[in-house]
Amino acid sequence: MVHLTRSEHRDQVITVTVPGVCGLWGMNDRGVGLCLNAMDVPGLRRADGLATSLVARRVLESTSLETAERFLRAVDHATQETYTLGAPGQAACFECSPRGTVRLDPWPAPGLICHTNHPLAQPDGDPNVEGRADSEARLEAMVTRLGAVPTPVESSDLIAILSSHDDAEHPICRHEKSGSDALTTFAVAMELDAQSLRLAVCAGRPCCGAFQTFSLEPATAPETD
C-alpha cells in the first residue's frame, strides 16, 4: 500500500501496487476508485503507447469519473486493459487497447459491472488467448453471484465473491496449481461514498487471508483537473 499526498493541492491517493510499479488499483480523496483487468491479446500492442501502470496513476489523480473517462479516451494505450472505475453513485467499465477505448454497458444488471481477463466489447482479438476458458468461467461465476446479491452491494458481498470457488477448475479465488502461474495475489473491495472512502485489501488468497481497511477523508477543496 502506498499513500500519496500532493501538498500543494492536498490531493491524496491510496494505491495497491507491487514492487517497482508506480501504482495500480486504488482510490483518491475525490471518491474516484480504480480496478484493473489485463487482457493481453498476442500481437495487440503499441510501442509508442502509454503503459498500464502510468495510465492508472493518472486516472487516480482524476477529480471525477467523467474526467477519468476523458483521459482514457484521449491517451494512446500500449496494451489491452480493462479499467473499472467507481465514484459516489457511479460505476463504469472501459476496455482500452491500441484500437481505442470502449465503455461497456452496465451488466449483469443496471448499476452493476463485472469483468475478468478476456475482451467483451472488443472481441476481435486472437480467439485462442491463453487462459480464455479460465477467464470465461470466472466471469460466469461472478455474474451468477453478483446477480444474486441484493442492492446496494456491500464490501462483505464483494469479499465473498472474490473468495469463492464455485468452479473447481477455474475458481474466482485462484491458488497455485501445476502447469499454471495464474493465482490471486491480492483482493480489493472499495466503498466510495461522498462522506466515507474505504478500501479493504487482502494480500494473498482472500478465501484464507485477512483484509485490512484503509480510509481517506473526502476532499473539500474546489475541483482542479
Protein backbone atom coordinates (compact mmCIF):
# COMPACT_ATOMS: atom_id res chain seq x y z
CA MET A 1 0.00 0.00 0.00
CA VAL A 2 1.23 3.48 -0.88
CA HIS A 3 -0.33 6.68 0.48
CA LEU A 4 0.46 9.69 -1.72
CA THR A 5 -0.18 13.35 -0.94
CA ARG A 6 0.41 16.33 -3.22
CA SER A 7 0.87 19.03 -0.58
CA GLU A 8 0.31 21.95 -2.94
CA HIS A 9 -3.25 20.74 -3.62
CA ARG A 10 -3.73 18.44 -0.61
CA ASP A 11 -4.81 15.73 -3.06
CA GLN A 12 -4.46 12.20 -1.67
CA VAL A 13 -4.26 8.76 -3.27
CA ILE A 14 -4.12 5.27 -1.76
CA THR A 15 -2.84 2.68 -4.23
CA VAL A 16 -2.31 -1.07 -4.01
CA THR A 17 0.73 -1.97 -6.06
CA VAL A 18 3.74 -4.28 -6.41
CA PRO A 19 7.47 -3.52 -6.05
CA GLY A 20 8.83 -1.38 -8.88
CA VAL A 21 5.40 -0.21 -10.14
CA CYS A 22 4.20 3.36 -9.54
CA GLY A 23 0.61 2.43 -8.79
CA LEU A 24 -2.25 0.16 -9.86
CA TRP A 25 -5.58 -0.36 -8.04
CA GLY A 26 -6.70 2.31 -5.63
CA MET A 27 -8.80 5.37 -4.82
CA ASN A 28 -8.37 9.08 -4.21
CA ASP A 29 -9.93 11.63 -1.87
CA ARG A 30 -12.30 12.79 -4.63
CA GLY A 31 -14.01 9.41 -4.41
CA VAL A 32 -12.62 8.01 -7.68
CA GLY A 33 -11.70 4.32 -7.40
CA LEU A 34 -9.95 2.10 -9.95
CA CYS A 35 -9.55 -1.64 -10.57
CA LEU A 36 -7.68 -3.26 -13.47
CA ASN A 37 -8.04 -6.44 -15.53
CA ALA A 38 -5.34 -7.31 -18.06
CA MET A 39 -6.39 -8.61 -21.49
CA ASP A 40 -3.03 -9.44 -23.06
CA VAL A 41 -4.01 -10.34 -26.63
CA PRO A 42 -0.89 -11.52 -28.53
CA GLY A 43 0.21 -9.02 -31.16
CA LEU A 44 -2.12 -6.26 -29.97
CA ARG A 45 0.46 -3.81 -28.67
CA ARG A 46 1.66 -0.32 -29.46
CA ALA A 47 5.32 0.57 -28.94
CA ASP A 48 4.62 4.30 -28.53
CA GLY A 49 1.58 3.85 -26.25
CA LEU A 50 1.36 4.59 -22.54
CA ALA A 51 1.91 1.67 -20.14
CA THR A 52 -0.95 0.48 -17.94
CA SER A 53 0.65 1.49 -14.63
CA LEU A 54 1.17 5.05 -15.88
CA VAL A 55 -2.40 5.26 -17.17
CA ALA A 56 -3.62 4.00 -13.79
CA ARG A 57 -1.63 6.59 -11.84
CA ARG A 58 -3.08 9.39 -13.95
CA VAL A 59 -6.61 8.04 -13.54
CA LEU A 60 -6.09 8.02 -9.76
CA GLU A 61 -5.42 11.76 -9.90
CA SER A 62 -8.76 12.49 -11.62
CA THR A 63 -11.31 14.63 -9.80
CA SER A 64 -14.32 12.74 -11.19
CA LEU A 65 -15.30 9.68 -13.20
CA GLU A 66 -16.01 11.95 -16.16
CA THR A 67 -12.51 13.46 -16.21
CA ALA A 68 -11.01 9.98 -15.89
CA GLU A 69 -13.07 8.84 -18.89
CA ARG A 70 -11.86 11.78 -20.98
CA PHE A 71 -8.26 10.84 -20.22
CA LEU A 72 -8.83 7.15 -21.05
CA ARG A 73 -10.30 8.13 -24.41
CA ALA A 74 -7.57 10.66 -25.21
CA VAL A 75 -4.46 8.61 -24.41
CA ASP A 76 -2.75 6.09 -26.73
CA HIS A 77 -2.72 2.72 -24.93
CA ALA A 78 0.27 0.39 -25.21
CA THR A 79 -1.64 -2.81 -24.44
CA GLN A 80 -5.18 -4.06 -23.88
CA GLU A 81 -6.52 -3.42 -20.37
CA THR A 82 -9.88 -3.05 -18.65
CA TYR A 83 -10.26 -0.06 -16.32
CA THR A 84 -13.24 -0.33 -13.97
CA LEU A 85 -13.99 3.00 -12.30
CA GLY A 86 -16.16 3.86 -9.35
CA ALA A 87 -17.31 7.13 -7.79
CA PRO A 88 -20.11 8.03 -5.35
CA GLY A 89 -23.28 6.70 -7.01
CA GLN A 90 -21.48 5.68 -10.22
CA ALA A 91 -19.61 2.79 -11.82
CA ALA A 92 -18.22 2.39 -15.33
CA CYS A 93 -16.02 -0.10 -17.17
CA PHE A 94 -13.74 0.71 -20.11
CA GLU A 95 -11.91 -1.70 -22.41
CA CYS A 96 -8.83 0.14 -23.67
CA SER A 97 -6.37 -1.01 -26.31
CA PRO A 98 -4.26 0.32 -29.21
CA ARG A 99 -7.53 0.18 -31.20
CA GLY A 100 -9.21 2.70 -28.89
CA THR A 101 -11.50 2.84 -25.86
CA VAL A 102 -14.99 1.35 -25.47
CA ARG A 103 -17.31 1.89 -22.49
CA LEU A 104 -19.25 -1.25 -21.55
CA ASP A 105 -22.94 -1.20 -20.77
CA PRO A 106 -23.93 -2.00 -17.16
CA TRP A 107 -24.09 -5.76 -16.69
CA PRO A 108 -25.40 -8.15 -15.29
CA ALA A 109 -27.94 -5.56 -14.06
CA PRO A 110 -28.32 -1.76 -14.06
CA GLY A 111 -25.67 -0.23 -11.86
CA LEU A 112 -23.54 -3.40 -11.76
CA ILE A 113 -20.32 -4.06 -13.68
CA CYS A 114 -18.09 -7.13 -13.78
CA HIS A 115 -15.14 -8.20 -15.90
CA THR A 116 -12.35 -10.77 -15.88
CA ASN A 117 -9.48 -11.13 -18.38
CA HIS A 118 -10.89 -11.53 -21.88
CA PRO A 119 -12.31 -8.84 -24.20
CA LEU A 120 -16.08 -8.31 -24.22
CA ALA A 121 -16.62 -5.09 -26.18
CA GLN A 122 -13.59 -5.66 -28.44
CA PRO A 123 -13.77 -9.41 -29.15
CA ASP A 124 -11.91 -9.45 -32.46
CA GLY A 125 -8.54 -10.37 -30.95
CA ASP A 126 -6.91 -13.79 -31.03
CA PRO A 127 -9.65 -16.31 -30.09
CA ASN A 128 -7.03 -18.67 -28.65
CA VAL A 129 -5.73 -16.35 -25.96
CA GLU A 130 -4.09 -18.39 -23.22
CA GLY A 131 -6.38 -18.53 -20.22
CA ARG A 132 -9.55 -17.67 -22.16
CA ALA A 133 -11.52 -20.65 -20.79
CA ASP A 134 -10.43 -19.77 -17.26
CA SER A 135 -11.45 -16.14 -17.69
CA GLU A 136 -14.84 -17.04 -19.15
CA ALA A 137 -15.59 -19.49 -16.32
CA ARG A 138 -14.65 -16.94 -13.67
CA LEU A 139 -16.84 -14.30 -15.37
CA GLU A 140 -19.81 -16.67 -15.43
CA ALA A 141 -19.40 -17.41 -11.73
CA MET A 142 -19.06 -13.72 -10.94
CA VAL A 143 -22.18 -12.80 -12.94
CA THR A 144 -24.20 -15.52 -11.16
CA ARG A 145 -23.08 -14.45 -7.71
CA LEU A 146 -23.30 -10.70 -8.31
CA GLY A 147 -26.75 -11.04 -9.86
CA ALA A 148 -27.99 -12.80 -6.73
CA VAL A 149 -26.79 -10.11 -4.31
CA PRO A 150 -29.46 -7.61 -3.21
CA THR A 151 -28.57 -3.99 -3.82
CA PRO A 152 -26.89 -2.00 -2.52
CA VAL A 153 -23.88 -4.31 -2.78
CA GLU A 154 -21.73 -4.25 0.37
CA SER A 155 -17.98 -4.82 0.74
CA SER A 156 -18.75 -8.09 2.51
CA ASP A 157 -20.66 -9.27 -0.60
CA LEU A 158 -17.69 -8.45 -2.83
CA ILE A 159 -15.26 -10.20 -0.48
CA ALA A 160 -17.45 -13.33 -0.53
CA ILE A 161 -17.45 -13.31 -4.34
CA LEU A 162 -13.69 -12.78 -4.55
CA SER A 163 -13.18 -15.66 -2.08
CA SER A 164 -15.38 -18.15 -3.95
CA HIS A 165 -14.54 -21.49 -5.60
CA ASP A 166 -17.77 -22.31 -7.45
CA ASP A 167 -15.89 -23.78 -10.42
CA ALA A 168 -13.32 -26.25 -9.06
CA GLU A 169 -11.14 -25.94 -12.17
CA HIS A 170 -11.48 -22.18 -12.66
CA PRO A 171 -12.34 -20.54 -9.30
CA ILE A 172 -12.52 -16.77 -8.83
CA CYS A 173 -10.07 -17.16 -5.92
CA ARG A 174 -7.15 -18.82 -7.71
CA HIS A 175 -4.49 -20.90 -5.97
CA GLU A 176 -1.24 -22.25 -7.32
CA LYS A 177 -1.63 -25.33 -9.47
CA SER A 178 0.63 -27.39 -11.70
CA GLY A 179 1.11 -26.05 -15.23
CA SER A 180 -0.17 -22.53 -14.49
CA ASP A 181 1.35 -19.41 -12.96
CA ALA A 182 -2.07 -17.72 -12.58
CA LEU A 183 -3.04 -17.07 -8.98
CA THR A 184 -4.73 -14.39 -6.90
CA THR A 185 -2.01 -12.17 -5.43
CA PHE A 186 -4.38 -9.79 -3.63
CA ALA A 187 -8.04 -8.79 -3.50
CA VAL A 188 -9.59 -5.33 -3.11
CA ALA A 189 -13.05 -4.04 -2.14
CA MET A 190 -13.84 -0.30 -2.05
CA GLU A 191 -16.66 1.76 -0.59
CA LEU A 192 -16.89 5.12 -2.35
CA ASP A 193 -19.36 7.30 -0.52
CA ALA A 194 -19.43 11.08 -0.53
CA GLN A 195 -18.96 11.02 3.25
CA SER A 196 -16.70 7.98 3.65
CA LEU A 197 -13.99 6.44 1.48
CA ARG A 198 -12.72 2.99 2.47
CA LEU A 199 -10.52 0.41 0.75
CA ALA A 200 -10.19 -3.14 2.09
CA VAL A 201 -7.29 -5.23 0.77
CA CYS A 202 -6.08 -8.78 1.33
CA ALA A 203 -2.51 -9.77 0.42
CA GLY A 204 -2.76 -13.29 -0.95
CA ARG A 205 -5.80 -15.50 -1.48
CA PRO A 206 -8.91 -13.86 0.03
CA CYS A 207 -10.53 -17.20 0.94
CA CYS A 208 -7.92 -17.75 3.66
CA GLY A 209 -6.38 -14.30 4.22
CA ALA A 210 -7.21 -11.29 6.35
CA PHE A 211 -8.43 -7.96 4.96
CA GLN A 212 -7.08 -4.64 6.21
CA THR A 213 -9.10 -1.45 5.74
CA PHE A 214 -7.65 1.95 4.81
CA SER A 215 -9.58 5.22 4.75
CA LEU A 216 -9.36 8.70 3.25
CA GLU A 217 -11.15 11.86 4.27
CA PRO A 218 -13.19 13.14 1.30
CA ALA A 219 -11.68 16.28 -0.24
CA THR A 220 -13.41 19.59 0.34
CA ALA A 221 -11.23 21.83 -1.89
CA PRO A 222 -12.52 23.01 -5.30
CA GLU A 223 -12.01 20.56 -8.15
CA THR A 224 -8.99 21.02 -10.40
CA ASP A 225 -8.04 18.59 -13.14
